[in-house]
Amino acid sequence: MYAVIKTGGKQYRVTTGETLKVEILAGDVGSAIVLDKVLMVADGDKLSVGKPMLTGASVAATIVSHGRGDKVRIFKMRRRKHYQKNQGHRQNYTEIRIDGISAK
Protein backbone atom coordinates (compact mmCIF):
# COMPACT_ATOMS: atom_id res chain seq x y z
CA MET A 1 0.00 0.00 0.00
CA TYR A 2 1.31 3.43 -0.89
CA ALA A 3 0.05 6.99 -1.13
CA VAL A 4 1.03 10.21 -2.86
CA ILE A 5 0.95 13.19 -0.49
CA LYS A 6 1.54 16.90 -0.93
CA THR A 7 3.48 18.91 1.65
CA GLY A 8 5.71 21.94 1.36
CA GLY A 9 4.74 22.50 -2.28
CA LYS A 10 6.13 19.11 -3.31
CA GLN A 11 4.63 15.67 -3.86
CA TYR A 12 5.99 12.48 -2.28
CA ARG A 13 5.22 8.79 -2.80
CA VAL A 14 5.17 7.21 0.67
CA THR A 15 4.76 3.75 2.15
CA THR A 16 4.35 2.62 5.75
CA GLY A 17 7.63 2.54 7.71
CA GLU A 18 9.46 4.87 5.33
CA THR A 19 11.40 7.94 6.52
CA LEU A 20 11.74 11.03 4.36
CA LYS A 21 12.91 14.62 4.58
CA VAL A 22 10.27 17.25 3.83
CA GLU A 23 10.08 21.03 4.12
CA ILE A 24 10.09 22.29 7.72
CA LEU A 25 6.96 21.37 9.71
CA ALA A 26 5.83 22.76 13.05
CA GLY A 27 6.02 20.28 15.91
CA ASP A 28 8.33 18.75 18.48
CA VAL A 29 10.52 15.70 17.90
CA GLY A 30 8.51 12.57 18.69
CA SER A 31 5.12 14.17 18.18
CA ALA A 32 2.56 12.63 15.84
CA ILE A 33 1.23 14.57 12.86
CA VAL A 34 -1.49 13.88 10.31
CA LEU A 35 -0.93 14.75 6.66
CA ASP A 36 -4.37 15.18 5.08
CA LYS A 37 -3.40 16.44 1.62
CA VAL A 38 -3.51 13.02 -0.05
CA LEU A 39 -3.60 12.94 -3.84
CA MET A 40 -3.73 9.18 -4.43
CA VAL A 41 -3.89 5.91 -2.51
CA ALA A 42 -3.08 2.51 -4.00
CA ASP A 43 -3.85 -0.75 -2.20
CA GLY A 44 -2.95 -3.69 -4.43
CA ASP A 45 -5.15 -3.43 -7.52
CA LYS A 46 -7.45 -0.83 -5.94
CA LEU A 47 -6.46 2.71 -6.93
CA SER A 48 -8.13 5.86 -5.57
CA VAL A 49 -7.30 9.18 -7.22
CA GLY A 50 -8.55 12.52 -5.92
CA LYS A 51 -9.78 15.55 -7.84
CA PRO A 52 -7.36 17.05 -6.74
CA MET A 53 -7.39 15.73 -3.13
CA LEU A 54 -8.98 12.59 -1.68
CA THR A 55 -11.60 13.37 0.94
CA GLY A 56 -11.32 11.34 4.12
CA ALA A 57 -7.85 9.97 3.35
CA SER A 58 -4.93 10.74 5.63
CA VAL A 59 -1.36 9.70 6.39
CA ALA A 60 -0.18 9.41 10.00
CA ALA A 61 3.47 10.27 10.64
CA THR A 62 5.90 10.92 13.49
CA ILE A 63 8.51 13.68 13.54
CA VAL A 64 11.95 12.05 13.85
CA SER A 65 14.21 15.13 13.70
CA HIS A 66 14.70 18.66 12.46
CA GLY A 67 17.81 19.72 10.60
CA ARG A 68 19.48 21.68 7.86
CA GLY A 69 20.48 20.32 4.48
CA ASP A 70 23.83 20.52 2.71
CA LYS A 71 25.05 23.91 1.59
CA VAL A 72 24.22 24.88 -1.97
CA ARG A 73 26.74 27.24 -3.55
CA ILE A 74 25.46 29.96 -5.87
CA PHE A 75 28.09 31.65 -8.05
CA LYS A 76 27.20 34.38 -10.55
CA MET A 77 29.70 35.98 -12.90
CA ARG A 78 29.62 38.31 -15.89
CA ARG A 79 32.72 37.95 -17.97
CA ARG A 80 34.76 41.07 -18.67
CA LYS A 81 32.51 43.16 -16.40
CA HIS A 82 34.30 42.76 -13.03
CA TYR A 83 31.18 41.21 -11.53
CA GLN A 84 31.31 38.14 -9.32
CA LYS A 85 28.87 37.17 -6.61
CA ASN A 86 29.16 34.24 -4.17
CA GLN A 87 26.21 33.11 -2.13
CA GLY A 88 25.28 30.02 -0.12
CA HIS A 89 22.05 28.51 1.15
CA ARG A 90 21.09 25.74 3.58
CA GLN A 91 17.47 24.61 3.54
CA ASN A 92 15.70 23.61 6.77
CA TYR A 93 13.97 20.23 6.77
CA THR A 94 11.95 17.91 8.98
CA GLU A 95 12.55 14.17 8.88
CA ILE A 96 9.33 12.19 9.33
CA ARG A 97 8.50 8.49 9.62
CA ILE A 98 5.27 7.26 8.03
CA ASP A 99 3.24 5.24 10.55
CA GLY A 100 0.08 4.48 8.63
CA ILE A 101 -2.05 5.23 5.60
CA SER A 102 -5.84 5.37 5.86
CA ALA A 103 -8.17 5.70 2.89
CA LYS A 104 -11.85 6.09 3.67
C-alpha atoms as a PDB file:
ATOM      1  CA  MET A   1       0.000   0.000   0.000  1.00  0.00           C
ATOM      2  CA  TYR A   2       1.310   3.428  -0.894  1.00  0.00           C
ATOM      3  CA  ALA A   3       0.055   6.993  -1.130  1.00  0.00           C
ATOM      4  CA  VAL A   4       1.030  10.212  -2.861  1.00  0.00           C
ATOM      5  CA  ILE A   5       0.954  13.191  -0.492  1.00  0.00           C
ATOM      6  CA  LYS A   6       1.544  16.904  -0.925  1.00  0.00           C
ATOM      7  CA  THR A   7       3.476  18.912   1.653  1.00  0.00           C
ATOM      8  CA  GLY A   8       5.705  21.944   1.362  1.00  0.00           C
ATOM      9  CA  GLY A   9       4.739  22.496  -2.277  1.00  0.00           C
ATOM     10  CA  LYS A  10       6.133  19.108  -3.307  1.00  0.00           C
ATOM     11  CA  GLN A  11       4.633  15.671  -3.861  1.00  0.00           C
ATOM     12  CA  TYR A  12       5.991  12.480  -2.285  1.00  0.00           C
ATOM     13  CA  ARG A  13       5.223   8.792  -2.803  1.00  0.00           C
ATOM     14  CA  VAL A  14       5.170   7.215   0.669  1.00  0.00           C
ATOM     15  CA  THR A  15       4.763   3.745   2.154  1.00  0.00           C
ATOM     16  CA  THR A  16       4.354   2.622   5.751  1.00  0.00           C
ATOM     17  CA  GLY A  17       7.629   2.537   7.706  1.00  0.00           C
ATOM     18  CA  GLU A  18       9.458   4.868   5.325  1.00  0.00           C
ATOM     19  CA  THR A  19      11.398   7.944   6.518  1.00  0.00           C
ATOM     20  CA  LEU A  20      11.739  11.028   4.363  1.00  0.00           C
ATOM     21  CA  LYS A  21      12.907  14.624   4.577  1.00  0.00           C
ATOM     22  CA  VAL A  22      10.271  17.254   3.829  1.00  0.00           C
ATOM     23  CA  GLU A  23      10.079  21.029   4.124  1.00  0.00           C
ATOM     24  CA  ILE A  24      10.094  22.290   7.721  1.00  0.00           C
ATOM     25  CA  LEU A  25       6.961  21.371   9.709  1.00  0.00           C
ATOM     26  CA  ALA A  26       5.829  22.756  13.051  1.00  0.00           C
ATOM     27  CA  GLY A  27       6.022  20.280  15.912  1.00  0.00           C
ATOM     28  CA  ASP A  28       8.329  18.747  18.475  1.00  0.00           C
ATOM     29  CA  VAL A  29      10.515  15.702  17.901  1.00  0.00           C
ATOM     30  CA  GLY A  30       8.515  12.572  18.689  1.00  0.00           C
ATOM     31  CA  SER A  31       5.120  14.171  18.176  1.00  0.00           C
ATOM     32  CA  ALA A  32       2.559  12.633  15.838  1.00  0.00           C
ATOM     33  CA  ILE A  33       1.234  14.570  12.859  1.00  0.00           C
ATOM     34  CA  VAL A  34      -1.490  13.883  10.315  1.00  0.00           C
ATOM     35  CA  LEU A  35      -0.934  14.750   6.657  1.00  0.00           C
ATOM     36  CA  ASP A  36      -4.365  15.178   5.082  1.00  0.00           C
ATOM     37  CA  LYS A  37      -3.400  16.436   1.620  1.00  0.00           C
ATOM     38  CA  VAL A  38      -3.507  13.019  -0.050  1.00  0.00           C
ATOM     39  CA  LEU A  39      -3.603  12.944  -3.843  1.00  0.00           C
ATOM     40  CA  MET A  40      -3.727   9.180  -4.427  1.00  0.00           C
ATOM     41  CA  VAL A  41      -3.889   5.909  -2.509  1.00  0.00           C
ATOM     42  CA  ALA A  42      -3.079   2.514  -4.005  1.00  0.00           C
ATOM     43  CA  ASP A  43      -3.847  -0.747  -2.204  1.00  0.00           C
ATOM     44  CA  GLY A  44      -2.948  -3.690  -4.426  1.00  0.00           C
ATOM     45  CA  ASP A  45      -5.147  -3.427  -7.520  1.00  0.00           C
ATOM     46  CA  LYS A  46      -7.446  -0.831  -5.936  1.00  0.00           C
ATOM     47  CA  LEU A  47      -6.458   2.715  -6.929  1.00  0.00           C
ATOM     48  CA  SER A  48      -8.127   5.861  -5.569  1.00  0.00           C
ATOM     49  CA  VAL A  49      -7.304   9.178  -7.217  1.00  0.00           C
ATOM     50  CA  GLY A  50      -8.547  12.524  -5.920  1.00  0.00           C
ATOM     51  CA  LYS A  51      -9.781  15.547  -7.841  1.00  0.00           C
ATOM     52  CA  PRO A  52      -7.359  17.051  -6.741  1.00  0.00           C
ATOM     53  CA  MET A  53      -7.392  15.729  -3.132  1.00  0.00           C
ATOM     54  CA  LEU A  54      -8.980  12.594  -1.677  1.00  0.00           C
ATOM     55  CA  THR A  55     -11.604  13.367   0.942  1.00  0.00           C
ATOM     56  CA  GLY A  56     -11.317  11.337   4.123  1.00  0.00           C
ATOM     57  CA  ALA A  57      -7.849   9.974   3.350  1.00  0.00           C
ATOM     58  CA  SER A  58      -4.929  10.742   5.630  1.00  0.00           C
ATOM     59  CA  VAL A  59      -1.363   9.700   6.392  1.00  0.00           C
ATOM     60  CA  ALA A  60      -0.176   9.408   9.998  1.00  0.00           C
ATOM     61  CA  ALA A  61       3.472  10.270  10.637  1.00  0.00           C
ATOM     62  CA  THR A  62       5.897  10.921  13.490  1.00  0.00           C
ATOM     63  CA  ILE A  63       8.510  13.677  13.536  1.00  0.00           C
ATOM     64  CA  VAL A  64      11.947  12.051  13.852  1.00  0.00           C
ATOM     65  CA  SER A  65      14.211  15.126  13.702  1.00  0.00           C
ATOM     66  CA  HIS A  66      14.696  18.660  12.457  1.00  0.00           C
ATOM     67  CA  GLY A  67      17.815  19.716  10.599  1.00  0.00           C
ATOM     68  CA  ARG A  68      19.481  21.679   7.857  1.00  0.00           C
ATOM     69  CA  GLY A  69      20.484  20.317   4.482  1.00  0.00           C
ATOM     70  CA  ASP A  70      23.829  20.516   2.712  1.00  0.00           C
ATOM     71  CA  LYS A  71      25.053  23.909   1.588  1.00  0.00           C
ATOM     72  CA  VAL A  72      24.216  24.881  -1.969  1.00  0.00           C
ATOM     73  CA  ARG A  73      26.743  27.236  -3.552  1.00  0.00           C
ATOM     74  CA  ILE A  74      25.461  29.962  -5.867  1.00  0.00           C
ATOM     75  CA  PHE A  75      28.086  31.652  -8.053  1.00  0.00           C
ATOM     76  CA  LYS A  76      27.203  34.383 -10.548  1.00  0.00           C
ATOM     77  CA  MET A  77      29.696  35.981 -12.897  1.00  0.00           C
ATOM     78  CA  ARG A  78      29.625  38.310 -15.886  1.00  0.00           C
ATOM     79  CA  ARG A  79      32.725  37.949 -17.969  1.00  0.00           C
ATOM     80  CA  ARG A  80      34.759  41.070 -18.673  1.00  0.00           C
ATOM     81  CA  LYS A  81      32.507  43.164 -16.401  1.00  0.00           C
ATOM     82  CA  HIS A  82      34.296  42.758 -13.025  1.00  0.00           C
ATOM     83  CA  TYR A  83      31.176  41.213 -11.526  1.00  0.00           C
ATOM     84  CA  GLN A  84      31.306  38.138  -9.317  1.00  0.00           C
ATOM     85  CA  LYS A  85      28.869  37.172  -6.607  1.00  0.00           C
ATOM     86  CA  ASN A  86      29.164  34.238  -4.172  1.00  0.00           C
ATOM     87  CA  GLN A  87      26.207  33.111  -2.126  1.00  0.00           C
ATOM     88  CA  GLY A  88      25.285  30.018  -0.116  1.00  0.00           C
ATOM     89  CA  HIS A  89      22.054  28.515   1.155  1.00  0.00           C
ATOM     90  CA  ARG A  90      21.086  25.744   3.575  1.00  0.00           C
ATOM     91  CA  GLN A  91      17.467  24.608   3.542  1.00  0.00           C
ATOM     92  CA  ASN A  92      15.700  23.611   6.774  1.00  0.00           C
ATOM     93  CA  TYR A  93      13.970  20.235   6.773  1.00  0.00           C
ATOM     94  CA  THR A  94      11.948  17.914   8.984  1.00  0.00           C
ATOM     95  CA  GLU A  95      12.545  14.174   8.884  1.00  0.00           C
ATOM     96  CA  ILE A  96       9.332  12.189   9.326  1.00  0.00           C
ATOM     97  CA  ARG A  97       8.501   8.490   9.625  1.00  0.00           C
ATOM     98  CA  ILE A  98       5.270   7.257   8.026  1.00  0.00           C
ATOM     99  CA  ASP A  99       3.240   5.245  10.551  1.00  0.00           C
ATOM    100  CA  GLY A 100       0.078   4.479   8.627  1.00  0.00           C
ATOM    101  CA  ILE A 101      -2.053   5.229   5.599  1.00  0.00           C
ATOM    102  CA  SER A 102      -5.842   5.371   5.857  1.00  0.00           C
ATOM    103  CA  ALA A 103      -8.172   5.703   2.888  1.00  0.00           C
ATOM    104  CA  LYS A 104     -11.850   6.087   3.672  1.00  0.00           C
END
